[in-house]
Amino acid sequence: MKTADFHYDLPPDLIAQAPLAERSASRLLVVPPGAGAFGDRQVRDLPSLLQPGDLLVFNDTRVIPARLFGHKATGGRVEILIERLLGGNEARAQLGVSKPPQVGSRIALDEGGEAEVRARGADGFWHLRFHVPQSLEQWLLHAGRMPLPPYIQREPGADDAERYQTVFAREMGAVAAPTAGLHFDEPLLAALRAKGVQFGHVTLHVGAGTFQPVRVDDVHQHRMHSEWINVGAELVQQVRRTREAGGRVIAVGTTVVRALESAMVDGELRPFAGDTAIFIFPGYAIRSVDALLTNFHLPESTLLMLVSAFSGKARILAAYAHAVRERYRFFSYGDAMLLFPG
């Protein structure tokens, strides 16, 4: 299986550069099982598409303002993108710099304080210790910038501090939003509750590795990045009760699928907290969910491979071709799909 098998052509003007005025006003491409016709709907139509007793599982991670700027002692500019908070004011990060800094050197930060370069891992990420007047997590809230994805070609604005978070975000630690959840607002959640749809939550702290391209021709040789997840006992019980009552488990986002599949043991969902580097691509049988709400993903990306594993590669590529023809908006601030198994 080749990475190029997951290519599709996307006109650049279909890449959403800003969110719509209303979260739930985004379009929704419904991809039913089998060879059923695609449906062009809106996200706010979800209550009519779901059934009483269905369980929507959200990712409740919260995006940290993870982008910082500074300069080396030589004067060279440095861009820092924190990938993971490590505790003790230390972090794992990517550095944008013309010449790599020396281990032991310090980066003077534009917002005050310094970042000490502790080490560089074999994966290219840097280990930094921050010398700032507060805990790093608290300091970032006023000193960091929202880390919009690289395909959004503008500086983050004041609105992004709210709109690049889900309305249910609570667990601090992601450097990218779980974008399928961005479509939900309070009126939509209220309508879903009135329909009898249940809600559950997992946590997966989305890392900067989510934007790294697949750099090998053979998909099987790709080494997946790791992310921290928490699938709690309460969610496990919700899933069990839903299945026993004949309801469906519907993942809101590929991050939820990654979390739930990582917590499967012998075909059964169990509580789990820790790192996952699970790589889901065609040939892998997703057993934890019955449907998936997700945004559109980049060509040749691991997320496109995941949804292809769920609904079938040919079916997904046909749905993407339909979305391009119908001028859906793509990627983080774009439109969504409701997928069923192939």
C-alpha atoms as a PDB file:
ATOM      1  CA  MET A   1       0.000   0.000   0.000  1.00  0.00           C
ATOM      2  CA  LYS A   2       1.504   3.287  -1.140  1.00  0.00           C
ATOM      3  CA  THR A   3       1.161   6.752   0.362  1.00  0.00           C
ATOM      4  CA  ALA A   4       0.351   8.060  -3.124  1.00  0.00           C
ATOM      5  CA  ASP A   5      -2.778   5.860  -3.104  1.00  0.00           C
ATOM      6  CA  PHE A   6      -4.292   8.436  -0.742  1.00  0.00           C
ATOM      7  CA  HIS A   7      -3.743  11.468  -2.948  1.00  0.00           C
ATOM      8  CA  TYR A   8      -6.530  13.714  -4.180  1.00  0.00           C
ATOM      9  CA  ASP A   9      -6.503  17.073  -5.931  1.00  0.00           C
ATOM     10  CA  LEU A  10      -7.720  20.020  -3.877  1.00  0.00           C
ATOM     11  CA  PRO A  11      -8.088  23.568  -5.234  1.00  0.00           C
ATOM     12  CA  PRO A  12      -6.318  25.871  -2.736  1.00  0.00           C
ATOM     13  CA  ASP A  13      -9.326  28.184  -2.532  1.00  0.00           C
ATOM     14  CA  LEU A  14     -11.325  25.401  -0.825  1.00  0.00           C
ATOM     15  CA  ILE A  15      -9.036  25.453   2.235  1.00  0.00           C
ATOM     16  CA  ALA A  16     -11.022  27.334   4.876  1.00  0.00           C
ATOM     17  CA  GLN A  17      -9.046  30.275   6.259  1.00  0.00           C
ATOM     18  CA  ALA A  18     -11.560  31.315   8.947  1.00  0.00           C
ATOM     19  CA  PRO A  19     -14.575  29.804  10.711  1.00  0.00           C
ATOM     20  CA  LEU A  20     -18.162  30.537   9.754  1.00  0.00           C
ATOM     21  CA  ALA A  21     -20.116  32.973  11.924  1.00  0.00           C
ATOM     22  CA  GLU A  22     -22.052  30.043  13.451  1.00  0.00           C
ATOM     23  CA  ARG A  23     -20.359  26.794  14.387  1.00  0.00           C
ATOM     24  CA  SER A  24     -23.250  24.505  13.432  1.00  0.00           C
ATOM     25  CA  ALA A  25     -23.844  26.256  10.085  1.00  0.00           C
ATOM     26  CA  SER A  26     -21.097  24.186   8.451  1.00  0.00           C
ATOM     27  CA  ARG A  27     -22.107  21.769   5.725  1.00  0.00           C
ATOM     28  CA  LEU A  28     -22.252  18.050   6.448  1.00  0.00           C
ATOM     29  CA  LEU A  29     -21.574  15.391   3.825  1.00  0.00           C
ATOM     30  CA  VAL A  30     -23.374  12.200   4.849  1.00  0.00           C
ATOM     31  CA  VAL A  31     -21.649   9.048   3.580  1.00  0.00           C
ATOM     32  CA  PRO A  32     -23.998   6.121   4.235  1.00  0.00           C
ATOM     33  CA  PRO A  33     -22.834   2.498   4.300  1.00  0.00           C
ATOM     34  CA  GLY A  34     -22.570   0.489   1.120  1.00  0.00           C
ATOM     35  CA  ALA A  35     -23.118   2.356  -2.125  1.00  0.00           C
ATOM     36  CA  GLY A  36     -25.877   4.679  -0.928  1.00  0.00           C
ATOM     37  CA  ALA A  37     -26.014   8.180  -2.388  1.00  0.00           C
ATOM     38  CA  PHE A  38     -24.129  10.926  -0.591  1.00  0.00           C
ATOM     39  CA  GLY A  39     -26.267  13.436   1.289  1.00  0.00           C
ATOM     40  CA  ASP A  40     -25.562  17.165   1.353  1.00  0.00           C
ATOM     41  CA  ARG A  41     -26.776  18.455   4.704  1.00  0.00           C
ATOM     42  CA  GLN A  42     -25.715  20.838   7.496  1.00  0.00           C
ATOM     43  CA  VAL A  43     -24.207  20.021  10.866  1.00  0.00           C
ATOM     44  CA  ARG A  44     -27.283  21.487  12.562  1.00  0.00           C
ATOM     45  CA  ASP A  45     -29.266  18.639  10.925  1.00  0.00           C
ATOM     46  CA  LEU A  46     -27.570  16.083  13.198  1.00  0.00           C
ATOM     47  CA  PRO A  47     -30.601  15.655  15.513  1.00  0.00           C
ATOM     48  CA  SER A  48     -32.602  14.342  12.533  1.00  0.00           C
ATOM     49  CA  LEU A  49     -29.771  11.989  11.533  1.00  0.00           C
ATOM     50  CA  LEU A  50     -29.181  10.441  14.961  1.00  0.00           C
ATOM     51  CA  GLN A  51     -31.431   8.263  17.103  1.00  0.00           C
ATOM     52  CA  PRO A  52     -32.494   8.363  20.762  1.00  0.00           C
ATOM     53  CA  GLY A  53     -30.009   6.306  22.733  1.00  0.00           C
ATOM     54  CA  ASP A  54     -27.044   7.076  20.458  1.00  0.00           C
ATOM     55  CA  LEU A  55     -23.862   8.094  22.263  1.00  0.00           C
ATOM     56  CA  LEU A  56     -21.728  10.942  20.888  1.00  0.00           C
ATOM     57  CA  VAL A  57     -18.156  10.735  22.187  1.00  0.00           C
ATOM     58  CA  PHE A  58     -16.255  14.044  22.228  1.00  0.00           C
ATOM     59  CA  ASN A  59     -12.594  14.843  22.837  1.00  0.00           C
ATOM     60  CA  ASP A  60     -12.474  17.368  25.703  1.00  0.00           C
ATOM     61  CA  THR A  61      -8.848  18.441  25.232  1.00  0.00           C
ATOM     62  CA  ARG A  62      -8.117  22.167  25.352  1.00  0.00           C
ATOM     63  CA  VAL A  63      -5.646  23.884  23.015  1.00  0.00           C
ATOM     64  CA  ILE A  64      -2.819  25.759  24.708  1.00  0.00           C
ATOM     65  CA  PRO A  65      -1.391  28.956  23.142  1.00  0.00           C
ATOM     66  CA  ALA A  66       1.684  26.980  22.154  1.00  0.00           C
ATOM     67  CA  ARG A  67       3.500  29.254  19.674  1.00  0.00           C
ATOM     68  CA  LEU A  68       6.295  31.523  20.942  1.00  0.00           C
ATOM     69  CA  PHE A  69       9.019  33.662  19.381  1.00  0.00           C
ATOM     70  CA  GLY A  70      12.464  34.675  20.553  1.00  0.00           C
ATOM     71  CA  HIS A  71      16.090  34.944  19.531  1.00  0.00           C
ATOM     72  CA  LYS A  72      19.382  33.174  20.174  1.00  0.00           C
ATOM     73  CA  ALA A  73      22.380  34.904  21.730  1.00  0.00           C
ATOM     74  CA  THR A  74      23.716  35.329  18.190  1.00  0.00           C
ATOM     75  CA  GLY A  75      20.578  37.285  17.292  1.00  0.00           C
ATOM     76  CA  GLY A  76      19.036  34.605  15.093  1.00  0.00           C
ATOM     77  CA  ARG A  77      15.249  34.459  15.275  1.00  0.00           C
ATOM     78  CA  VAL A  78      13.566  31.357  16.694  1.00  0.00           C
ATOM     79  CA  GLU A  79       9.977  30.167  16.468  1.00  0.00           C
ATOM     80  CA  ILE A  80       8.943  27.673  19.146  1.00  0.00           C
ATOM     81  CA  LEU A  81       5.939  25.383  18.813  1.00  0.00           C
ATOM     82  CA  ILE A  82       5.370  23.468  22.032  1.00  0.00           C
ATOM     83  CA  GLU A  83       4.357  19.900  21.276  1.00  0.00           C
ATOM     84  CA  ARG A  84       3.819  18.656  24.830  1.00  0.00           C
ATOM     85  CA  LEU A  85       4.032  20.025  28.364  1.00  0.00           C
ATOM     86  CA  LEU A  86       6.283  17.775  30.456  1.00  0.00           C
ATOM     87  CA  GLY A  87       5.868  19.299  33.922  1.00  0.00           C
ATOM     88  CA  GLY A  88       8.414  21.286  35.902  1.00  0.00           C
ATOM     89  CA  ASN A  89       8.283  24.098  33.298  1.00  0.00           C
ATOM     90  CA  GLU A  90       9.728  21.749  30.705  1.00  0.00           C
ATOM     91  CA  ALA A  91       8.321  20.998  27.300  1.00  0.00           C
ATOM     92  CA  ARG A  92       8.920  19.078  24.108  1.00  0.00           C
ATOM     93  CA  ALA A  93       8.898  21.427  21.127  1.00  0.00           C
ATOM     94  CA  GLN A  94       9.620  22.034  17.482  1.00  0.00           C
ATOM     95  CA  LEU A  95      11.999  24.878  16.646  1.00  0.00           C
ATOM     96  CA  GLY A  96      11.868  27.006  13.519  1.00  0.00           C
ATOM     97  CA  VAL A  97      15.412  28.332  13.192  1.00  0.00           C
ATOM     98  CA  SER A  98      17.997  28.839  10.452  1.00  0.00           C
ATOM     99  CA  LYS A  99      20.746  27.077  12.446  1.00  0.00           C
ATOM    100  CA  PRO A 100      20.057  24.641  15.294  1.00  0.00           C
ATOM    101  CA  PRO A 101      20.968  26.005  18.748  1.00  0.00           C
ATOM    102  CA  GLN A 102      23.587  24.386  20.929  1.00  0.00           C
ATOM    103  CA  VAL A 103      22.478  22.178  23.819  1.00  0.00           C
ATOM    104  CA  GLY A 104      22.852  24.270  26.972  1.00  0.00           C
ATOM    105  CA  SER A 105      22.214  27.571  25.208  1.00  0.00           C
ATOM    106  CA  ARG A 106      19.263  29.828  25.970  1.00  0.00           C
ATOM    107  CA  ILE A 107      16.643  31.449  23.787  1.00  0.00           C
ATOM    108  CA  ALA A 108      15.490  34.912  24.908  1.00  0.00           C
ATOM    109  CA  LEU A 109      11.703  35.014  24.558  1.00  0.00           C
ATOM    110  CA  ASP A 110       9.896  38.033  23.140  1.00  0.00           C
ATOM    111  CA  GLU A 111       7.398  37.974  26.016  1.00  0.00           C
ATOM    112  CA  GLY A 112      10.124  37.820  28.658  1.00  0.00           C
ATOM    113  CA  GLY A 113      11.995  34.924  30.220  1.00  0.00           C
ATOM    114  CA  GLU A 114      14.161  32.339  28.528  1.00  0.00           C
ATOM    115  CA  ALA A 115      13.986  28.829  27.132  1.00  0.00           C
ATOM    116  CA  GLU A 116      16.975  26.658  27.969  1.00  0.00           C
ATOM    117  CA  VAL A 117      17.872  24.064  25.335  1.00  0.00           C
ATOM    118  CA  ARG A 118      18.254  20.760  27.194  1.00  0.00           C
ATOM    119  CA  ALA A 119      18.459  18.152  24.424  1.00  0.00           C
ATOM    120  CA  ARG A 120      17.333  17.152  20.965  1.00  0.00           C
ATOM    121  CA  GLY A 121      15.657  13.804  20.415  1.00  0.00           C
ATOM    122  CA  ALA A 122      16.212  11.418  17.549  1.00  0.00           C
ATOM    123  CA  ASP A 123      12.739  12.370  16.308  1.00  0.00           C
ATOM    124  CA  GLY A 124      13.829  15.987  15.821  1.00  0.00           C
ATOM    125  CA  PHE A 125      11.861  17.420  18.739  1.00  0.00           C
ATOM    126  CA  TRP A 126      13.686  19.589  21.283  1.00  0.00           C
ATOM    127  CA  HIS A 127      13.554  19.346  25.078  1.00  0.00           C
ATOM    128  CA  LEU A 128      13.319  22.845  26.574  1.00  0.00           C
ATOM    129  CA  ARG A 129      13.212  24.174  30.126  1.00  0.00           C
ATOM    130  CA  PHE A 130      11.435  27.510  30.489  1.00  0.00           C
ATOM    131  CA  HIS A 131      12.620  30.147  32.949  1.00  0.00           C
ATOM    132  CA  VAL A 132       9.461  32.228  33.355  1.00  0.00           C
ATOM    133  CA  PRO A 133       7.810  33.839  36.407  1.00  0.00           C
ATOM    134  CA  GLN A 134       4.813  31.428  36.523  1.00  0.00           C
ATOM    135  CA  SER A 135       4.100  27.816  35.804  1.00  0.00           C
ATOM    136  CA  LEU A 136       4.586  27.311  32.085  1.00  0.00           C
ATOM    137  CA  GLU A 137       0.923  26.413  31.581  1.00  0.00           C
ATOM    138  CA  GLN A 138      -0.265  29.636  33.235  1.00  0.00           C
ATOM    139  CA  TRP A 139       2.388  31.800  31.573  1.00  0.00           C
ATOM    140  CA  LEU A 140       1.437  30.554  28.105  1.00  0.00           C
ATOM    141  CA  LEU A 141      -2.134  31.771  28.586  1.00  0.00           C
ATOM    142  CA  HIS A 142      -0.977  35.383  28.175  1.00  0.00           C
ATOM    143  CA  ALA A 143       2.411  34.971  26.463  1.00  0.00           C
ATOM    144  CA  GLY A 144       1.709  32.317  23.818  1.00  0.00           C
ATOM    145  CA  ARG A 145      -0.095  32.579  20.494  1.00  0.00           C
ATOM    146  CA  MET A 146      -2.790  30.213  19.285  1.00  0.00           C
ATOM    147  CA  PRO A 147      -1.073  27.643  17.018  1.00  0.00           C
ATOM    148  CA  LEU A 148      -3.222  27.764  13.911  1.00  0.00           C
ATOM    149  CA  PRO A 149      -2.402  25.017  11.379  1.00  0.00           C
ATOM    150  CA  PRO A 150       0.206  25.795   8.698  1.00  0.00           C
ATOM    151  CA  TYR A 151      -2.383  25.789   5.889  1.00  0.00           C
ATOM    152  CA  ILE A 152      -4.211  28.751   7.480  1.00  0.00           C
ATOM    153  CA  GLN A 153      -2.190  31.525   5.925  1.00  0.00           C
ATOM    154  CA  ARG A 154      -2.817  34.376   8.322  1.00  0.00           C
ATOM    155  CA  GLU A 155      -1.865  35.410  11.814  1.00  0.00           C
ATOM    156  CA  PRO A 156      -4.262  34.321  14.585  1.00  0.00           C
ATOM    157  CA  GLY A 157      -6.799  36.972  15.563  1.00  0.00           C
ATOM    158  CA  ALA A 158      -8.718  37.636  18.753  1.00  0.00           C
ATOM    159  CA  ASP A 159     -11.611  35.426  17.585  1.00  0.00           C
ATOM    160  CA  ASP A 160      -9.357  32.389  17.217  1.00  0.00           C
ATOM    161  CA  ALA A 161      -8.836  32.212  20.986  1.00  0.00           C
ATOM    162  CA  GLU A 162     -12.482  31.122  21.209  1.00  0.00           C
ATOM    163  CA  ARG A 163     -13.215  29.571  17.817  1.00  0.00           C
ATOM    164  CA  TYR A 164     -10.152  27.280  17.768  1.00  0.00           C
ATOM    165  CA  GLN A 165     -11.496  25.680  20.961  1.00  0.00           C
ATOM    166  CA  THR A 166     -14.497  23.414  21.306  1.00  0.00           C
ATOM    167  CA  VAL A 167     -17.273  24.627  23.616  1.00  0.00           C
ATOM    168  CA  PHE A 168     -16.601  21.591  25.847  1.00  0.00           C
ATOM    169  CA  ALA A 169     -12.790  21.958  26.009  1.00  0.00           C
ATOM    170  CA  ARG A 170     -11.562  21.515  29.588  1.00  0.00           C
ATOM    171  CA  GLU A 171      -8.353  19.436  29.782  1.00  0.00           C
ATOM    172  CA  MET A 172      -5.366  21.652  28.902  1.00  0.00           C
ATOM    173  CA  GLY A 173      -2.681  20.087  26.749  1.00  0.00           C
ATOM    174  CA  ALA A 174      -3.350  20.058  22.975  1.00  0.00           C
ATOM    175  CA  VAL A 175      -1.462  22.097  20.395  1.00  0.00           C
ATOM    176  CA  ALA A 176      -4.121  21.545  17.721  1.00  0.00           C
ATOM    177  CA  ALA A 177      -7.882  21.461  18.038  1.00  0.00           C
ATOM    178  CA  PRO A 178      -9.948  18.279  17.678  1.00  0.00           C
ATOM    179  CA  THR A 179     -11.602  19.959  14.737  1.00  0.00           C
ATOM    180  CA  ALA A 180     -14.772  17.871  14.360  1.00  0.00           C
ATOM    181  CA  GLY A 181     -15.834  19.182  17.756  1.00  0.00           C
ATOM    182  CA  LEU A 182     -15.586  22.799  16.572  1.00  0.00           C
ATOM    183  CA  HIS A 183     -18.979  22.431  14.841  1.00  0.00           C
ATOM    184  CA  PHE A 184     -20.926  22.010  18.083  1.00  0.00           C
ATOM    185  CA  ASP A 185     -22.528  24.987  19.834  1.00  0.00           C
ATOM    186  CA  GLU A 186     -24.946  25.151  22.759  1.00  0.00           C
ATOM    187  CA  PRO A 187     -28.148  25.233  20.642  1.00  0.00           C
ATOM    188  CA  LEU A 188     -27.047  22.111  18.749  1.00  0.00           C
ATOM    189  CA  LEU A 189     -26.083  20.312  21.959  1.00  0.00           C
ATOM    190  CA  ALA A 190     -29.483  21.210  23.454  1.00  0.00           C
ATOM    191  CA  ALA A 191     -31.296  19.882  20.375  1.00  0.00           C
ATOM    192  CA  LEU A 192     -29.333  16.631  20.554  1.00  0.00           C
ATOM    193  CA  ARG A 193     -30.167  16.213  24.249  1.00  0.00           C
ATOM    194  CA  ALA A 194     -33.845  16.799  23.451  1.00  0.00           C
ATOM    195  CA  LYS A 195     -33.625  14.028  20.832  1.00  0.00           C
ATOM    196  CA  GLY A 196     -32.334  11.644  23.516  1.00  0.00           C
ATOM    197  CA  VAL A 197     -28.728  11.522  22.312  1.00  0.00           C
ATOM    198  CA  GLN A 198     -26.207  10.921  25.112  1.00  0.00           C
ATOM    199  CA  PHE A 199     -22.755  12.538  25.460  1.00  0.00           C
ATOM    200  CA  GLY A 200     -19.465  11.069  26.630  1.00  0.00           C
ATOM    201  CA  HIS A 201     -15.888  12.351  26.702  1.00  0.00           C
ATOM    202  CA  VAL A 202     -12.354  11.102  26.234  1.00  0.00           C
ATOM    203  CA  THR A 203      -9.170  13.143  26.292  1.00  0.00           C
ATOM    204  CA  LEU A 204      -6.510  13.027  23.584  1.00  0.00           C
ATOM    205  CA  HIS A 205      -3.990  15.860  23.621  1.00  0.00           C
ATOM    206  CA  VAL A 206      -3.430  16.487  19.912  1.00  0.00           C
ATOM    207  CA  GLY A 207       0.277  16.980  19.225  1.00  0.00           C
ATOM    208  CA  ALA A 208       2.166  18.883  16.562  1.00  0.00           C
ATOM    209  CA  GLY A 209       2.938  15.558  14.922  1.00  0.00           C
ATOM    210  CA  THR A 210      -0.592  15.552  13.521  1.00  0.00           C
ATOM    211  CA  PHE A 211       0.631  17.981  10.830  1.00  0.00           C
ATOM    212  CA  GLN A 212       3.755  16.011   9.914  1.00  0.00           C
ATOM    213  CA  PRO A 213       3.544  14.493   6.429  1.00  0.00           C
ATOM    214  CA  VAL A 214       4.055  10.823   5.700  1.00  0.00           C
ATOM    215  CA  ARG A 215       7.599  10.759   4.326  1.00  0.00           C
ATOM    216  CA  VAL A 216       7.792   7.127   3.156  1.00  0.00           C
ATOM    217  CA  ASP A 217       6.389   5.595  -0.012  1.00  0.00           C
ATOM    218  CA  ASP A 218       5.272   2.399   1.718  1.00  0.00           C
ATOM    219  CA  VAL A 219       2.532   3.117   4.273  1.00  0.00           C
ATOM    220  CA  HIS A 220       3.633   0.152   6.408  1.00  0.00           C
ATOM    221  CA  GLN A 221       6.999   1.825   7.048  1.00  0.00           C
ATOM    222  CA  HIS A 222       5.507   5.014   8.529  1.00  0.00           C
ATOM    223  CA  ARG A 223       6.307   5.610  12.190  1.00  0.00           C
ATOM    224  CA  MET A 224       3.321   7.230  13.880  1.00  0.00           C
ATOM    225  CA  HIS A 225       3.722  10.048  16.413  1.00  0.00           C
ATOM    226  CA  SER A 226       2.538   9.455  19.983  1.00  0.00           C
ATOM    227  CA  GLU A 227      -0.175  11.365  21.842  1.00  0.00           C
ATOM    228  CA  TRP A 228      -1.467  11.171  25.425  1.00  0.00           C
ATOM    229  CA  ILE A 229      -4.967   9.816  25.969  1.00  0.00           C
ATOM    230  CA  ASN A 230      -7.362   9.158  28.815  1.00  0.00           C
ATOM    231  CA  VAL A 231     -10.333   6.839  28.368  1.00  0.00           C
ATOM    232  CA  GLY A 232     -12.033   6.870  31.746  1.00  0.00           C
ATOM    233  CA  ALA A 233     -14.101   4.235  33.510  1.00  0.00           C
ATOM    234  CA  GLU A 234     -17.232   6.389  33.239  1.00  0.00           C
ATOM    235  CA  LEU A 235     -16.990   6.516  29.444  1.00  0.00           C
ATOM    236  CA  VAL A 236     -16.382   2.760  29.311  1.00  0.00           C
ATOM    237  CA  GLN A 237     -19.603   2.220  31.276  1.00  0.00           C
ATOM    238  CA  GLN A 238     -21.498   4.626  28.982  1.00  0.00           C
ATOM    239  CA  VAL A 239     -20.354   2.688  25.930  1.00  0.00           C
ATOM    240  CA  ARG A 240     -21.355  -0.606  27.531  1.00  0.00           C
ATOM    241  CA  ARG A 241     -24.828   0.661  28.463  1.00  0.00           C
ATOM    242  CA  THR A 242     -25.313   2.127  24.976  1.00  0.00           C
ATOM    243  CA  ARG A 243     -24.463  -1.140  23.263  1.00  0.00           C
ATOM    244  CA  GLU A 244     -26.656  -3.181  25.626  1.00  0.00           C
ATOM    245  CA  ALA A 245     -29.593  -0.871  24.854  1.00  0.00           C
ATOM    246  CA  GLY A 246     -29.065  -1.151  21.098  1.00  0.00           C
ATOM    247  CA  GLY A 247     -27.684   2.378  20.640  1.00  0.00           C
ATOM    248  CA  ARG A 248     -24.806   3.448  18.448  1.00  0.00           C
ATOM    249  CA  VAL A 249     -21.425   4.828  19.521  1.00  0.00           C
ATOM    250  CA  ILE A 250     -20.518   7.796  17.318  1.00  0.00           C
ATOM    251  CA  ALA A 251     -17.045   9.303  17.469  1.00  0.00           C
ATOM    252  CA  VAL A 252     -16.741  13.065  17.066  1.00  0.00           C
ATOM    253  CA  GLY A 253     -13.365  13.188  15.358  1.00  0.00           C
ATOM    254  CA  THR A 254     -10.535  10.865  14.426  1.00  0.00           C
ATOM    255  CA  THR A 255      -8.869  11.613  17.768  1.00  0.00           C
ATOM    256  CA  VAL A 256     -11.761   9.866  19.522  1.00  0.00           C
ATOM    257  CA  VAL A 257     -11.319   6.840  17.265  1.00  0.00           C
ATOM    258  CA  ARG A 258      -7.596   6.752  18.088  1.00  0.00           C
ATOM    259  CA  ALA A 259      -8.336   6.958  21.801  1.00  0.00           C
ATOM    260  CA  LEU A 260     -11.033   4.285  21.820  1.00  0.00           C
ATOM    261  CA  GLU A 261      -9.128   1.866  19.596  1.00  0.00           C
ATOM    262  CA  SER A 262      -6.059   2.276  21.826  1.00  0.00           C
ATOM    263  CA  ALA A 263      -8.183   1.296  24.835  1.00  0.00           C
ATOM    264  CA  MET A 264      -9.559  -1.889  23.241  1.00  0.00           C
ATOM    265  CA  VAL A 265      -8.299  -5.124  24.835  1.00  0.00           C
ATOM    266  CA  ASP A 266      -9.426  -8.448  23.357  1.00  0.00           C
ATOM    267  CA  GLY A 267     -12.322  -6.709  21.629  1.00  0.00           C
ATOM    268  CA  GLU A 268     -13.516  -4.943  24.768  1.00  0.00           C
ATOM    269  CA  LEU A 269     -13.174  -1.266  25.688  1.00  0.00           C
ATOM    270  CA  ARG A 270     -11.342  -0.777  28.984  1.00  0.00           C
ATOM    271  CA  PRO A 271     -10.137   2.279  30.936  1.00  0.00           C
ATOM    272  CA  PHE A 272      -6.714   3.460  29.842  1.00  0.00           C
ATOM    273  CA  ALA A 273      -4.483   6.484  30.411  1.00  0.00           C
ATOM    274  CA  GLY A 274      -1.108   6.907  28.741  1.00  0.00           C
ATOM    275  CA  ASP A 275       0.571   7.361  25.374  1.00  0.00           C
ATOM    276  CA  THR A 276      -0.670   5.880  22.144  1.00  0.00           C
ATOM    277  CA  ALA A 277       1.139   5.608  18.815  1.00  0.00           C
ATOM    278  CA  ILE A 278      -1.589   3.588  17.123  1.00  0.00           C
ATOM    279  CA  PHE A 279      -1.560   3.850  13.326  1.00  0.00           C
ATOM    280  CA  ILE A 280      -4.890   3.036  11.681  1.00  0.00           C
ATOM    281  CA  PHE A 281      -4.960   2.478   7.921  1.00  0.00           C
ATOM    282  CA  PRO A 282      -6.850   0.167   5.527  1.00  0.00           C
ATOM    283  CA  GLY A 283      -6.599  -3.418   6.687  1.00  0.00           C
ATOM    284  CA  TYR A 284      -7.194  -2.387  10.300  1.00  0.00           C
ATOM    285  CA  ALA A 285     -10.709  -3.215  11.561  1.00  0.00           C
ATOM    286  CA  ILE A 286     -12.163  -0.360  13.650  1.00  0.00           C
ATOM    287  CA  ARG A 287     -14.479  -1.976  16.207  1.00  0.00           C
ATOM    288  CA  SER A 288     -15.044   0.718  18.829  1.00  0.00           C
ATOM    289  CA  VAL A 289     -17.471   3.007  16.956  1.00  0.00           C
ATOM    290  CA  ASP A 290     -20.487   2.678  14.673  1.00  0.00           C
ATOM    291  CA  ALA A 291     -20.215   6.067  12.944  1.00  0.00           C
ATOM    292  CA  LEU A 292     -17.715   8.903  12.715  1.00  0.00           C
ATOM    293  CA  LEU A 293     -18.192  12.656  12.408  1.00  0.00           C
ATOM    294  CA  THR A 294     -15.013  14.189  11.047  1.00  0.00           C
ATOM    295  CA  ASN A 295     -13.642  17.085   9.020  1.00  0.00           C
ATOM    296  CA  PHE A 296     -11.909  16.692   5.665  1.00  0.00           C
ATOM    297  CA  HIS A 297      -8.239  15.736   5.888  1.00  0.00           C
ATOM    298  CA  LEU A 298      -5.077  16.534   3.954  1.00  0.00           C
ATOM    299  CA  PRO A 299      -4.074  14.424   0.932  1.00  0.00           C
ATOM    300  CA  GLU A 300      -1.775  11.489   1.789  1.00  0.00           C
ATOM    301  CA  SER A 301      -2.225  12.097   5.541  1.00  0.00           C
ATOM    302  CA  THR A 302      -2.540   9.494   8.291  1.00  0.00           C
ATOM    303  CA  LEU A 303      -6.009  10.866   9.106  1.00  0.00           C
ATOM    304  CA  LEU A 304      -7.194  10.267   5.545  1.00  0.00           C
ATOM    305  CA  MET A 305      -5.843   6.735   5.932  1.00  0.00           C
ATOM    306  CA  LEU A 306      -7.825   6.309   9.172  1.00  0.00           C
ATOM    307  CA  VAL A 307     -11.155   7.313   7.631  1.00  0.00           C
ATOM    308  CA  SER A 308     -10.342   5.071   4.659  1.00  0.00           C
ATOM    309  CA  ALA A 309      -9.924   2.167   7.076  1.00  0.00           C
ATOM    310  CA  PHE A 310     -13.386   2.955   8.453  1.00  0.00           C
ATOM    311  CA  SER A 311     -15.422   3.530   5.287  1.00  0.00           C
ATOM    312  CA  GLY A 312     -13.199   2.082   2.561  1.00  0.00           C
ATOM    313  CA  LYS A 313     -10.580   3.913   0.502  1.00  0.00           C
ATOM    314  CA  ALA A 314     -12.556   3.993  -2.743  1.00  0.00           C
ATOM    315  CA  ARG A 315     -15.659   5.207  -0.925  1.00  0.00           C
ATOM    316  CA  ILE A 316     -13.741   7.978   0.862  1.00  0.00           C
ATOM    317  CA  LEU A 317     -11.976   9.179  -2.287  1.00  0.00           C
ATOM    318  CA  ALA A 318     -15.331   9.263  -4.095  1.00  0.00           C
ATOM    319  CA  ALA A 319     -16.798  11.305  -1.227  1.00  0.00           C
ATOM    320  CA  TYR A 320     -13.855  13.718  -1.360  1.00  0.00           C
ATOM    321  CA  ALA A 321     -14.288  14.120  -5.125  1.00  0.00           C
ATOM    322  CA  HIS A 322     -17.970  14.929  -4.500  1.00  0.00           C
ATOM    323  CA  ALA A 323     -16.992  17.460  -1.830  1.00  0.00           C
ATOM    324  CA  VAL A 324     -14.565  19.175  -4.212  1.00  0.00           C
ATOM    325  CA  ARG A 325     -17.204  19.352  -6.956  1.00  0.00           C
ATOM    326  CA  GLU A 326     -19.762  20.770  -4.516  1.00  0.00           C
ATOM    327  CA  ARG A 327     -17.183  23.212  -3.123  1.00  0.00           C
ATOM    328  CA  TYR A 328     -17.176  22.107   0.478  1.00  0.00           C
ATOM    329  CA  ARG A 329     -14.727  23.924   2.774  1.00  0.00           C
ATOM    330  CA  PHE A 330     -11.742  21.811   3.798  1.00  0.00           C
ATOM    331  CA  PHE A 331      -9.604  21.201   6.901  1.00  0.00           C
ATOM    332  CA  SER A 332      -9.727  22.671  10.419  1.00  0.00           C
ATOM    333  CA  TYR A 333     -12.187  25.542   9.914  1.00  0.00           C
ATOM    334  CA  GLY A 334     -13.992  23.724   7.127  1.00  0.00           C
ATOM    335  CA  ASP A 335     -17.032  21.487   6.753  1.00  0.00           C
ATOM    336  CA  ALA A 336     -17.673  17.997   8.094  1.00  0.00           C
ATOM    337  CA  MET A 337     -18.596  14.444   7.090  1.00  0.00           C
ATOM    338  CA  LEU A 338     -20.751  11.850   8.815  1.00  0.00           C
ATOM    339  CA  LEU A 339     -19.252   8.466   7.932  1.00  0.00           C
ATOM    340  CA  PHE A 340     -20.561   4.951   8.344  1.00  0.00           C
ATOM    341  CA  PRO A 341     -18.545   1.733   8.023  1.00  0.00           C
ATOM    342  CA  GLY A 342     -17.710   0.418   4.589  1.00  0.00           C
END
